[in-house]
Amino acid sequence: MRKGRLEAFSDGVLAIILTIMVLEIKVPHGAANFAALKPLLPVTLSYLLSFIYIGIYWNNHHMMLASTSRVSGGVLWANLHLLFWLSLVPFATGWMGENHFAPATLAVYGVMLLMAGVAYFVLQNCIIAIEGPHSALARAIGRDLKGKASPVLYLAGIAASFWQPWVAGGIYVAVALMWLIPDRRIERTLVERV
């Protein structure tokens, strides 16, 4: 099965997710000064973090599919599983921002991040299953230390959200920063393949 429709559909869903998130930031009415923006700070910060996460998923999804020659029905369903969890980002983001990073909102945000990470892992393994253990993707991923550390950190963030919410937020930011550091393994593998 060709992968073009999967890529186009995924790109469209991610674009819609970003659009929904930015529409949640309401324009202040009344005063036209910087003080009017202060109440929007929690919403804007949660939007920024979620925008970065969606960008990370979009970039990694793109690179993963670039290393893939074909997809199967299982890959399509695994991709939908990932998109399901990512489609909850606007809800979790809005709730967290509107409630000033309250413990329950941070926990829900962490669960959403954890499940999106699990779904990405499932998708990755479905692709490796059809491409083979010596495929470009399998070689590029290697031991996948960031992929293994992320769920552990998300669980720590979920737990921390109830006793130290700022620690939970810090963990979620740290994981995003960890993934922002470019990982050139897939790019190198793709160049070697050509």
N, C-alpha and C. Protein backbone atom coordinates (compact mmCIF):
# COMPACT_ATOMS: atom_id res chain seq x y z
N MET A 1 0.83 -1.17 0.00
CA MET A 1 0.00 0.00 0.00
C MET A 1 0.89 1.25 0.00
N ARG A 2 0.53 2.25 -0.79
CA ARG A 2 1.33 3.48 -0.85
C ARG A 2 1.09 4.32 0.40
N LYS A 3 2.10 5.10 0.75
CA LYS A 3 2.04 5.86 2.00
C LYS A 3 1.57 7.29 1.83
N GLY A 4 1.38 7.76 0.61
CA GLY A 4 1.04 9.15 0.35
C GLY A 4 -0.23 9.62 1.04
N ARG A 5 -1.27 8.80 1.00
CA ARG A 5 -2.54 9.19 1.64
C ARG A 5 -2.38 9.28 3.15
N LEU A 6 -1.62 8.36 3.72
CA LEU A 6 -1.38 8.37 5.16
C LEU A 6 -0.67 9.67 5.55
N GLU A 7 0.34 10.06 4.79
CA GLU A 7 1.07 11.29 5.08
C GLU A 7 0.17 12.51 4.95
N ALA A 8 -0.59 12.57 3.87
CA ALA A 8 -1.47 13.73 3.63
C ALA A 8 -2.53 13.84 4.72
N PHE A 9 -3.15 12.71 5.07
CA PHE A 9 -4.17 12.72 6.11
C PHE A 9 -3.58 13.17 7.45
N SER A 10 -2.42 12.63 7.80
CA SER A 10 -1.78 12.98 9.07
C SER A 10 -1.41 14.45 9.10
N ASP A 11 -0.85 14.96 8.02
CA ASP A 11 -0.50 16.38 7.96
C ASP A 11 -1.74 17.25 8.14
N GLY A 12 -2.84 16.85 7.52
CA GLY A 12 -4.08 17.61 7.65
C GLY A 12 -4.61 17.62 9.07
N VAL A 13 -4.58 16.46 9.72
CA VAL A 13 -5.06 16.38 11.11
C VAL A 13 -4.19 17.24 12.02
N LEU A 14 -2.88 17.16 11.85
CA LEU A 14 -1.99 17.96 12.69
C LEU A 14 -2.19 19.46 12.45
N ALA A 15 -2.43 19.85 11.21
CA ALA A 15 -2.71 21.26 10.92
C ALA A 15 -4.00 21.72 11.60
N ILE A 16 -5.00 20.87 11.60
CA ILE A 16 -6.27 21.20 12.26
C ILE A 16 -6.06 21.32 13.77
N ILE A 17 -5.27 20.43 14.34
CA ILE A 17 -4.98 20.48 15.78
C ILE A 17 -4.34 21.82 16.14
N LEU A 18 -3.36 22.24 15.36
CA LEU A 18 -2.70 23.53 15.64
C LEU A 18 -3.68 24.69 15.50
N THR A 19 -4.55 24.61 14.51
CA THR A 19 -5.54 25.67 14.30
C THR A 19 -6.51 25.76 15.47
N ILE A 20 -6.99 24.61 15.92
CA ILE A 20 -7.91 24.60 17.06
C ILE A 20 -7.24 25.19 18.29
N MET A 21 -5.97 24.83 18.51
CA MET A 21 -5.27 25.34 19.69
C MET A 21 -5.15 26.86 19.67
N VAL A 22 -4.79 27.43 18.54
CA VAL A 22 -4.60 28.89 18.50
C VAL A 22 -5.93 29.61 18.62
N LEU A 23 -7.00 29.00 18.15
CA LEU A 23 -8.32 29.62 18.28
C LEU A 23 -8.81 29.66 19.73
N GLU A 24 -8.20 28.85 20.59
CA GLU A 24 -8.55 28.86 22.01
C GLU A 24 -7.99 30.08 22.73
N ILE A 25 -7.03 30.77 22.13
CA ILE A 25 -6.47 31.97 22.74
C ILE A 25 -7.38 33.13 22.36
N LYS A 26 -8.11 33.62 23.32
CA LYS A 26 -9.11 34.67 23.08
C LYS A 26 -8.47 36.06 23.13
N VAL A 27 -8.89 36.90 22.24
CA VAL A 27 -8.42 38.29 22.19
C VAL A 27 -9.01 39.04 23.38
N PRO A 28 -8.17 39.76 24.15
CA PRO A 28 -8.71 40.53 25.28
C PRO A 28 -9.54 41.71 24.78
N HIS A 29 -10.65 41.95 25.44
CA HIS A 29 -11.52 43.07 25.08
C HIS A 29 -11.41 44.15 26.15
N GLY A 30 -11.60 45.36 25.72
CA GLY A 30 -11.53 46.47 26.67
C GLY A 30 -10.23 47.22 26.50
N ALA A 31 -9.32 47.04 27.44
CA ALA A 31 -8.05 47.77 27.42
C ALA A 31 -7.16 47.29 26.28
N ALA A 32 -6.52 48.24 25.62
CA ALA A 32 -5.59 47.91 24.54
C ALA A 32 -4.18 48.20 25.00
N ASN A 33 -3.76 47.50 26.06
CA ASN A 33 -2.41 47.66 26.57
C ASN A 33 -1.85 46.30 26.95
N PHE A 34 -0.57 46.27 27.30
CA PHE A 34 0.07 45.00 27.62
C PHE A 34 -0.49 44.35 28.88
N ALA A 35 -1.01 45.14 29.78
CA ALA A 35 -1.61 44.58 31.00
C ALA A 35 -2.80 43.69 30.67
N ALA A 36 -3.49 43.98 29.58
CA ALA A 36 -4.64 43.17 29.17
C ALA A 36 -4.21 41.77 28.73
N LEU A 37 -2.93 41.62 28.38
CA LEU A 37 -2.43 40.31 27.94
C LEU A 37 -2.03 39.41 29.12
N LYS A 38 -1.82 40.00 30.28
CA LYS A 38 -1.35 39.23 31.44
C LYS A 38 -2.24 38.03 31.78
N PRO A 39 -3.57 38.17 31.77
CA PRO A 39 -4.40 37.00 32.07
C PRO A 39 -4.27 35.87 31.03
N LEU A 40 -3.74 36.19 29.86
CA LEU A 40 -3.58 35.18 28.82
C LEU A 40 -2.28 34.39 28.96
N LEU A 41 -1.43 34.77 29.90
CA LEU A 41 -0.12 34.13 30.02
C LEU A 41 -0.21 32.62 30.22
N PRO A 42 -1.02 32.09 31.15
CA PRO A 42 -1.09 30.63 31.30
C PRO A 42 -1.57 29.93 30.02
N VAL A 43 -2.55 30.51 29.35
CA VAL A 43 -3.07 29.91 28.11
C VAL A 43 -2.00 29.93 27.03
N THR A 44 -1.28 31.04 26.95
CA THR A 44 -0.23 31.17 25.94
C THR A 44 0.92 30.22 26.21
N LEU A 45 1.31 30.07 27.47
CA LEU A 45 2.39 29.14 27.81
C LEU A 45 1.99 27.69 27.51
N SER A 46 0.77 27.32 27.84
CA SER A 46 0.33 25.95 27.54
C SER A 46 0.25 25.75 26.03
N TYR A 47 -0.17 26.78 25.29
CA TYR A 47 -0.20 26.71 23.82
C TYR A 47 1.21 26.52 23.27
N LEU A 48 2.17 27.29 23.78
CA LEU A 48 3.55 27.19 23.31
C LEU A 48 4.10 25.78 23.51
N LEU A 49 3.90 25.23 24.71
CA LEU A 49 4.39 23.88 24.98
C LEU A 49 3.73 22.87 24.04
N SER A 50 2.44 22.96 23.87
CA SER A 50 1.73 22.02 23.00
C SER A 50 2.11 22.20 21.54
N PHE A 51 2.32 23.44 21.11
CA PHE A 51 2.76 23.69 19.74
C PHE A 51 4.09 23.00 19.49
N ILE A 52 5.00 23.10 20.46
CA ILE A 52 6.30 22.45 20.34
C ILE A 52 6.12 20.94 20.25
N TYR A 53 5.27 20.37 21.12
CA TYR A 53 5.04 18.92 21.06
C TYR A 53 4.47 18.49 19.71
N ILE A 54 3.48 19.22 19.20
CA ILE A 54 2.91 18.86 17.89
C ILE A 54 3.99 18.97 16.82
N GLY A 55 4.81 20.00 16.89
CA GLY A 55 5.91 20.15 15.94
C GLY A 55 6.89 18.99 16.00
N ILE A 56 7.19 18.54 17.21
CA ILE A 56 8.09 17.39 17.38
C ILE A 56 7.48 16.15 16.75
N TYR A 57 6.20 15.90 17.05
CA TYR A 57 5.54 14.73 16.47
C TYR A 57 5.47 14.83 14.95
N TRP A 58 5.16 16.01 14.43
CA TRP A 58 5.07 16.17 12.98
C TRP A 58 6.42 15.89 12.33
N ASN A 59 7.49 16.45 12.89
CA ASN A 59 8.83 16.26 12.34
C ASN A 59 9.25 14.79 12.39
N ASN A 60 9.07 14.15 13.54
CA ASN A 60 9.48 12.75 13.67
C ASN A 60 8.61 11.84 12.81
N HIS A 61 7.32 12.13 12.73
CA HIS A 61 6.41 11.36 11.89
C HIS A 61 6.85 11.46 10.43
N HIS A 62 7.18 12.66 10.00
CA HIS A 62 7.64 12.89 8.63
C HIS A 62 8.91 12.08 8.34
N MET A 63 9.88 12.16 9.24
CA MET A 63 11.14 11.44 9.03
C MET A 63 10.92 9.92 9.06
N MET A 64 10.05 9.47 9.95
CA MET A 64 9.78 8.04 10.03
C MET A 64 9.15 7.56 8.72
N LEU A 65 8.18 8.29 8.21
CA LEU A 65 7.52 7.86 6.97
C LEU A 65 8.43 8.03 5.76
N ALA A 66 9.37 8.97 5.82
CA ALA A 66 10.33 9.12 4.73
C ALA A 66 11.23 7.90 4.61
N SER A 67 11.42 7.21 5.73
CA SER A 67 12.27 6.01 5.72
C SER A 67 11.47 4.75 5.40
N THR A 68 10.19 4.91 5.12
CA THR A 68 9.28 3.79 4.91
C THR A 68 8.94 3.66 3.43
N SER A 69 8.95 2.44 2.93
CA SER A 69 8.63 2.24 1.52
C SER A 69 7.16 1.89 1.30
N ARG A 70 6.51 1.35 2.32
CA ARG A 70 5.10 0.94 2.16
C ARG A 70 4.43 0.93 3.54
N VAL A 71 3.11 0.88 3.51
CA VAL A 71 2.34 0.79 4.75
C VAL A 71 1.34 -0.36 4.63
N SER A 72 0.85 -0.80 5.76
CA SER A 72 -0.14 -1.88 5.81
C SER A 72 -1.38 -1.37 6.54
N GLY A 73 -2.40 -2.21 6.58
CA GLY A 73 -3.59 -1.87 7.36
C GLY A 73 -3.25 -1.63 8.82
N GLY A 74 -2.34 -2.44 9.36
CA GLY A 74 -1.92 -2.26 10.75
C GLY A 74 -1.25 -0.91 10.97
N VAL A 75 -0.46 -0.48 10.01
CA VAL A 75 0.20 0.82 10.11
C VAL A 75 -0.85 1.93 10.06
N LEU A 76 -1.86 1.78 9.20
CA LEU A 76 -2.92 2.79 9.12
C LEU A 76 -3.65 2.92 10.46
N TRP A 77 -3.97 1.78 11.09
CA TRP A 77 -4.66 1.83 12.38
C TRP A 77 -3.76 2.36 13.48
N ALA A 78 -2.48 1.98 13.45
CA ALA A 78 -1.54 2.51 14.44
C ALA A 78 -1.40 4.02 14.29
N ASN A 79 -1.41 4.50 13.05
CA ASN A 79 -1.33 5.94 12.81
C ASN A 79 -2.58 6.64 13.34
N LEU A 80 -3.75 6.04 13.12
CA LEU A 80 -4.99 6.62 13.66
C LEU A 80 -4.96 6.66 15.19
N HIS A 81 -4.37 5.62 15.78
CA HIS A 81 -4.22 5.58 17.24
C HIS A 81 -3.39 6.78 17.71
N LEU A 82 -2.29 7.05 17.02
CA LEU A 82 -1.46 8.21 17.37
C LEU A 82 -2.26 9.51 17.18
N LEU A 83 -2.94 9.63 16.05
CA LEU A 83 -3.70 10.85 15.79
C LEU A 83 -4.82 11.06 16.80
N PHE A 84 -5.40 9.96 17.30
CA PHE A 84 -6.43 10.08 18.33
C PHE A 84 -5.87 10.81 19.55
N TRP A 85 -4.74 10.35 20.04
CA TRP A 85 -4.17 10.97 21.25
C TRP A 85 -3.72 12.40 20.97
N LEU A 86 -3.15 12.64 19.79
CA LEU A 86 -2.75 14.01 19.46
C LEU A 86 -3.95 14.92 19.29
N SER A 87 -5.09 14.36 18.87
CA SER A 87 -6.29 15.20 18.71
C SER A 87 -6.82 15.69 20.06
N LEU A 88 -6.38 15.08 21.15
CA LEU A 88 -6.78 15.53 22.48
C LEU A 88 -5.90 16.66 23.01
N VAL A 89 -4.83 16.98 22.28
CA VAL A 89 -3.93 18.04 22.72
C VAL A 89 -4.66 19.38 22.90
N PRO A 90 -5.53 19.81 21.98
CA PRO A 90 -6.22 21.09 22.21
C PRO A 90 -7.05 21.11 23.49
N PHE A 91 -7.73 20.01 23.79
CA PHE A 91 -8.52 19.95 25.02
C PHE A 91 -7.61 20.05 26.24
N ALA A 92 -6.59 19.20 26.29
CA ALA A 92 -5.70 19.19 27.46
C ALA A 92 -4.97 20.52 27.60
N THR A 93 -4.59 21.11 26.48
CA THR A 93 -3.90 22.40 26.49
C THR A 93 -4.81 23.50 27.02
N GLY A 94 -6.01 23.56 26.48
CA GLY A 94 -6.96 24.60 26.91
C GLY A 94 -7.33 24.48 28.37
N TRP A 95 -7.59 23.24 28.81
CA TRP A 95 -7.97 23.03 30.21
C TRP A 95 -6.84 23.43 31.14
N MET A 96 -5.61 23.04 30.77
CA MET A 96 -4.46 23.36 31.60
C MET A 96 -4.24 24.87 31.67
N GLY A 97 -4.31 25.54 30.54
CA GLY A 97 -4.08 26.98 30.51
C GLY A 97 -5.17 27.77 31.22
N GLU A 98 -6.42 27.38 31.00
CA GLU A 98 -7.56 28.09 31.62
C GLU A 98 -7.58 27.93 33.13
N ASN A 99 -7.01 26.85 33.63
CA ASN A 99 -7.02 26.58 35.07
C ASN A 99 -5.65 26.76 35.71
N HIS A 100 -4.80 27.52 35.03
CA HIS A 100 -3.51 27.94 35.58
C HIS A 100 -2.67 26.77 36.08
N PHE A 101 -2.60 25.72 35.28
CA PHE A 101 -1.75 24.57 35.56
C PHE A 101 -2.11 23.88 36.88
N ALA A 102 -3.40 23.73 37.12
CA ALA A 102 -3.89 23.03 38.32
C ALA A 102 -3.45 21.57 38.26
N PRO A 103 -3.30 20.91 39.42
CA PRO A 103 -2.80 19.54 39.44
C PRO A 103 -3.54 18.56 38.52
N ALA A 104 -4.86 18.55 38.55
CA ALA A 104 -5.59 17.59 37.71
C ALA A 104 -5.35 17.85 36.23
N THR A 105 -5.23 19.12 35.85
CA THR A 105 -5.01 19.44 34.44
C THR A 105 -3.62 19.00 33.98
N LEU A 106 -2.64 19.15 34.87
CA LEU A 106 -1.29 18.69 34.55
C LEU A 106 -1.24 17.17 34.45
N ALA A 107 -1.99 16.49 35.31
CA ALA A 107 -2.04 15.02 35.24
C ALA A 107 -2.67 14.56 33.93
N VAL A 108 -3.78 15.18 33.54
CA VAL A 108 -4.43 14.81 32.28
C VAL A 108 -3.51 15.10 31.10
N TYR A 109 -2.84 16.23 31.13
CA TYR A 109 -1.89 16.57 30.07
C TYR A 109 -0.79 15.51 29.99
N GLY A 110 -0.29 15.08 31.14
CA GLY A 110 0.74 14.04 31.18
C GLY A 110 0.25 12.71 30.64
N VAL A 111 -0.99 12.34 30.98
CA VAL A 111 -1.56 11.09 30.46
C VAL A 111 -1.66 11.18 28.94
N MET A 112 -2.10 12.32 28.44
CA MET A 112 -2.20 12.50 26.99
C MET A 112 -0.83 12.38 26.33
N LEU A 113 0.20 13.00 26.93
CA LEU A 113 1.56 12.89 26.39
C LEU A 113 2.05 11.45 26.44
N LEU A 114 1.80 10.78 27.56
CA LEU A 114 2.21 9.38 27.70
C LEU A 114 1.56 8.51 26.64
N MET A 115 0.27 8.65 26.46
CA MET A 115 -0.44 7.81 25.50
C MET A 115 -0.03 8.13 24.06
N ALA A 116 0.24 9.40 23.76
CA ALA A 116 0.74 9.75 22.43
C ALA A 116 2.11 9.11 22.21
N GLY A 117 2.95 9.11 23.24
CA GLY A 117 4.26 8.46 23.14
C GLY A 117 4.14 6.96 22.92
N VAL A 118 3.23 6.33 23.64
CA VAL A 118 2.99 4.89 23.46
C VAL A 118 2.48 4.62 22.05
N ALA A 119 1.56 5.46 21.58
CA ALA A 119 1.00 5.28 20.23
C ALA A 119 2.08 5.46 19.16
N TYR A 120 2.98 6.40 19.36
CA TYR A 120 4.08 6.59 18.40
C TYR A 120 4.98 5.36 18.38
N PHE A 121 5.26 4.81 19.56
CA PHE A 121 6.07 3.59 19.67
C PHE A 121 5.40 2.43 18.93
N VAL A 122 4.09 2.29 19.09
CA VAL A 122 3.35 1.23 18.40
C VAL A 122 3.44 1.43 16.89
N LEU A 123 3.24 2.65 16.43
CA LEU A 123 3.34 2.94 14.99
C LEU A 123 4.73 2.63 14.47
N GLN A 124 5.72 3.05 15.18
CA GLN A 124 7.11 2.79 14.80
C GLN A 124 7.36 1.29 14.66
N ASN A 125 6.87 0.52 15.63
CA ASN A 125 7.09 -0.93 15.59
C ASN A 125 6.27 -1.61 14.50
N CYS A 126 5.10 -1.09 14.18
CA CYS A 126 4.32 -1.64 13.06
C CYS A 126 5.06 -1.43 11.75
N ILE A 127 5.67 -0.28 11.60
CA ILE A 127 6.44 0.00 10.38
C ILE A 127 7.67 -0.90 10.31
N ILE A 128 8.36 -1.05 11.42
CA ILE A 128 9.54 -1.93 11.45
C ILE A 128 9.13 -3.37 11.15
N ALA A 129 7.95 -3.79 11.61
CA ALA A 129 7.49 -5.16 11.35
C ALA A 129 7.32 -5.42 9.86
N ILE A 130 6.85 -4.43 9.09
CA ILE A 130 6.69 -4.68 7.65
C ILE A 130 7.95 -4.35 6.86
N GLU A 131 8.79 -3.46 7.38
CA GLU A 131 10.02 -3.09 6.68
C GLU A 131 11.16 -4.06 7.00
N GLY A 132 11.11 -4.68 8.17
CA GLY A 132 12.14 -5.63 8.55
C GLY A 132 13.08 -5.08 9.61
N PRO A 133 13.70 -6.00 10.38
CA PRO A 133 14.56 -5.58 11.49
C PRO A 133 15.86 -4.90 11.03
N HIS A 134 16.19 -5.03 9.76
CA HIS A 134 17.41 -4.39 9.24
C HIS A 134 17.06 -3.20 8.35
N SER A 135 15.83 -2.73 8.46
CA SER A 135 15.37 -1.61 7.64
C SER A 135 16.07 -0.32 8.06
N ALA A 136 15.92 0.69 7.22
CA ALA A 136 16.52 2.00 7.52
C ALA A 136 15.99 2.54 8.84
N LEU A 137 14.69 2.39 9.08
CA LEU A 137 14.10 2.89 10.32
C LEU A 137 14.65 2.15 11.53
N ALA A 138 14.70 0.83 11.45
CA ALA A 138 15.20 0.03 12.58
C ALA A 138 16.65 0.39 12.89
N ARG A 139 17.46 0.55 11.85
CA ARG A 139 18.87 0.93 12.06
C ARG A 139 18.97 2.34 12.65
N ALA A 140 18.15 3.23 12.17
CA ALA A 140 18.22 4.62 12.63
C ALA A 140 17.80 4.76 14.09
N ILE A 141 16.80 4.01 14.48
CA ILE A 141 16.30 4.12 15.85
C ILE A 141 17.29 3.56 16.85
N GLY A 142 17.91 2.46 16.50
CA GLY A 142 18.89 1.87 17.40
C GLY A 142 18.30 1.54 18.75
N ARG A 143 18.97 1.98 19.81
CA ARG A 143 18.50 1.69 21.17
C ARG A 143 17.39 2.61 21.62
N ASP A 144 17.19 3.74 20.95
CA ASP A 144 16.08 4.67 21.20
C ASP A 144 16.00 5.08 22.67
N LEU A 145 17.08 5.65 23.16
CA LEU A 145 17.12 6.04 24.58
C LEU A 145 16.09 7.12 24.91
N LYS A 146 15.91 8.10 24.02
CA LYS A 146 14.91 9.14 24.28
C LYS A 146 13.51 8.53 24.30
N GLY A 147 13.26 7.60 23.40
CA GLY A 147 11.96 6.94 23.34
C GLY A 147 11.67 6.12 24.59
N LYS A 148 12.71 5.57 25.19
CA LYS A 148 12.52 4.77 26.41
C LYS A 148 12.44 5.66 27.66
N ALA A 149 13.16 6.77 27.64
CA ALA A 149 13.16 7.66 28.81
C ALA A 149 11.86 8.47 28.90
N SER A 150 11.28 8.81 27.76
CA SER A 150 10.10 9.69 27.76
C SER A 150 8.93 9.14 28.57
N PRO A 151 8.50 7.88 28.38
CA PRO A 151 7.36 7.39 29.17
C PRO A 151 7.63 7.40 30.68
N VAL A 152 8.86 7.10 31.05
CA VAL A 152 9.23 7.12 32.47
C VAL A 152 9.10 8.54 33.01
N LEU A 153 9.58 9.50 32.24
CA LEU A 153 9.48 10.90 32.66
C LEU A 153 8.03 11.38 32.68
N TYR A 154 7.23 10.95 31.71
CA TYR A 154 5.80 11.33 31.73
C TYR A 154 5.11 10.77 32.97
N LEU A 155 5.42 9.52 33.33
CA LEU A 155 4.83 8.94 34.54
C LEU A 155 5.26 9.73 35.78
N ALA A 156 6.53 10.12 35.81
CA ALA A 156 7.01 10.94 36.93
C ALA A 156 6.28 12.28 36.97
N GLY A 157 6.04 12.86 35.80
CA GLY A 157 5.30 14.12 35.73
C GLY A 157 3.87 13.98 36.20
N ILE A 158 3.23 12.88 35.81
CA ILE A 158 1.85 12.64 36.25
C ILE A 158 1.80 12.53 37.77
N ALA A 159 2.73 11.77 38.34
CA ALA A 159 2.77 11.61 39.80
C ALA A 159 3.07 12.95 40.48
N ALA A 160 4.03 13.69 39.93
CA ALA A 160 4.43 14.97 40.53
C ALA A 160 3.33 16.02 40.45
N SER A 161 2.44 15.89 39.49
CA SER A 161 1.40 16.91 39.31
C SER A 161 0.52 17.08 40.55
N PHE A 162 0.42 16.05 41.38
CA PHE A 162 -0.45 16.12 42.55
C PHE A 162 0.24 16.67 43.79
N TRP A 163 1.57 16.62 43.84
CA TRP A 163 2.24 17.15 45.01
C TRP A 163 3.11 18.36 44.70
N GLN A 164 3.64 18.48 43.50
CA GLN A 164 4.43 19.64 43.09
C GLN A 164 4.13 19.94 41.62
N PRO A 165 3.05 20.63 41.34
CA PRO A 165 2.67 20.88 39.94
C PRO A 165 3.77 21.50 39.09
N TRP A 166 4.57 22.38 39.67
CA TRP A 166 5.63 23.01 38.89
C TRP A 166 6.68 22.00 38.46
N VAL A 167 6.89 20.94 39.26
CA VAL A 167 7.83 19.88 38.87
C VAL A 167 7.27 19.13 37.66
N ALA A 168 5.98 18.83 37.69
CA ALA A 168 5.35 18.15 36.55
C ALA A 168 5.52 18.98 35.28
N GLY A 169 5.21 20.27 35.38
CA GLY A 169 5.38 21.15 34.22
C GLY A 169 6.82 21.17 33.74
N GLY A 170 7.74 21.21 34.68
CA GLY A 170 9.17 21.20 34.33
C GLY A 170 9.57 19.92 33.63
N ILE A 171 9.02 18.80 34.07
CA ILE A 171 9.32 17.51 33.42
C ILE A 171 8.81 17.51 31.99
N TYR A 172 7.58 18.00 31.78
CA TYR A 172 7.03 18.02 30.42
C TYR A 172 7.84 18.93 29.51
N VAL A 173 8.31 20.05 30.05
CA VAL A 173 9.16 20.95 29.27
C VAL A 173 10.49 20.27 28.97
N ALA A 174 11.07 19.58 29.96
CA ALA A 174 12.35 18.90 29.77
C ALA A 174 12.27 17.83 28.69
N VAL A 175 11.18 17.07 28.67
CA VAL A 175 11.02 16.04 27.63
C VAL A 175 10.93 16.71 26.26
N ALA A 176 10.18 17.79 26.17
CA ALA A 176 10.08 18.50 24.89
C ALA A 176 11.45 19.01 24.45
N LEU A 177 12.21 19.57 25.38
CA LEU A 177 13.55 20.06 25.04
C LEU A 177 14.46 18.92 24.61
N MET A 178 14.32 17.77 25.27
CA MET A 178 15.11 16.60 24.90
C MET A 178 14.85 16.21 23.45
N TRP A 179 13.58 16.28 23.03
CA TRP A 179 13.22 15.91 21.66
C TRP A 179 13.50 17.02 20.67
N LEU A 180 13.62 18.26 21.13
CA LEU A 180 13.95 19.36 20.23
C LEU A 180 15.38 19.27 19.73
N ILE A 181 16.24 18.66 20.53
CA ILE A 181 17.63 18.47 20.10
C ILE A 181 17.60 17.53 18.90
N PRO A 182 18.04 18.00 17.75
CA PRO A 182 17.92 17.19 16.53
C PRO A 182 18.61 15.84 16.65
N ASP A 183 17.93 14.83 16.19
CA ASP A 183 18.47 13.48 16.12
C ASP A 183 18.63 13.17 14.64
N ARG A 184 19.84 13.15 14.19
CA ARG A 184 20.12 13.03 12.76
C ARG A 184 20.24 11.58 12.27
N ARG A 185 19.92 10.61 13.12
CA ARG A 185 20.11 9.22 12.72
C ARG A 185 19.27 8.84 11.51
N ILE A 186 18.00 9.22 11.49
CA ILE A 186 17.15 8.84 10.36
C ILE A 186 17.62 9.58 9.11
N GLU A 187 17.96 10.86 9.23
CA GLU A 187 18.44 11.60 8.07
C GLU A 187 19.70 10.96 7.51
N ARG A 188 20.64 10.61 8.38
CA ARG A 188 21.88 9.95 7.92
C ARG A 188 21.56 8.64 7.23
N THR A 189 20.66 7.87 7.81
CA THR A 189 20.30 6.57 7.24
C THR A 189 19.65 6.76 5.87
N LEU A 190 18.81 7.76 5.73
CA LEU A 190 18.17 8.03 4.44
C LEU A 190 19.19 8.44 3.39
N VAL A 191 20.16 9.25 3.78
CA VAL A 191 21.21 9.67 2.85
C VAL A 191 22.04 8.47 2.41
N GLU A 192 22.35 7.59 3.36
CA GLU A 192 23.12 6.39 3.04
C GLU A 192 22.37 5.47 2.09
N ARG A 193 21.04 5.46 2.17
CA ARG A 193 20.21 4.60 1.33
C ARG A 193 20.21 5.05 -0.12
N VAL A 194 20.39 6.35 -0.34
CA VAL A 194 20.30 6.89 -1.71
C VAL A 194 21.52 6.60 -2.51
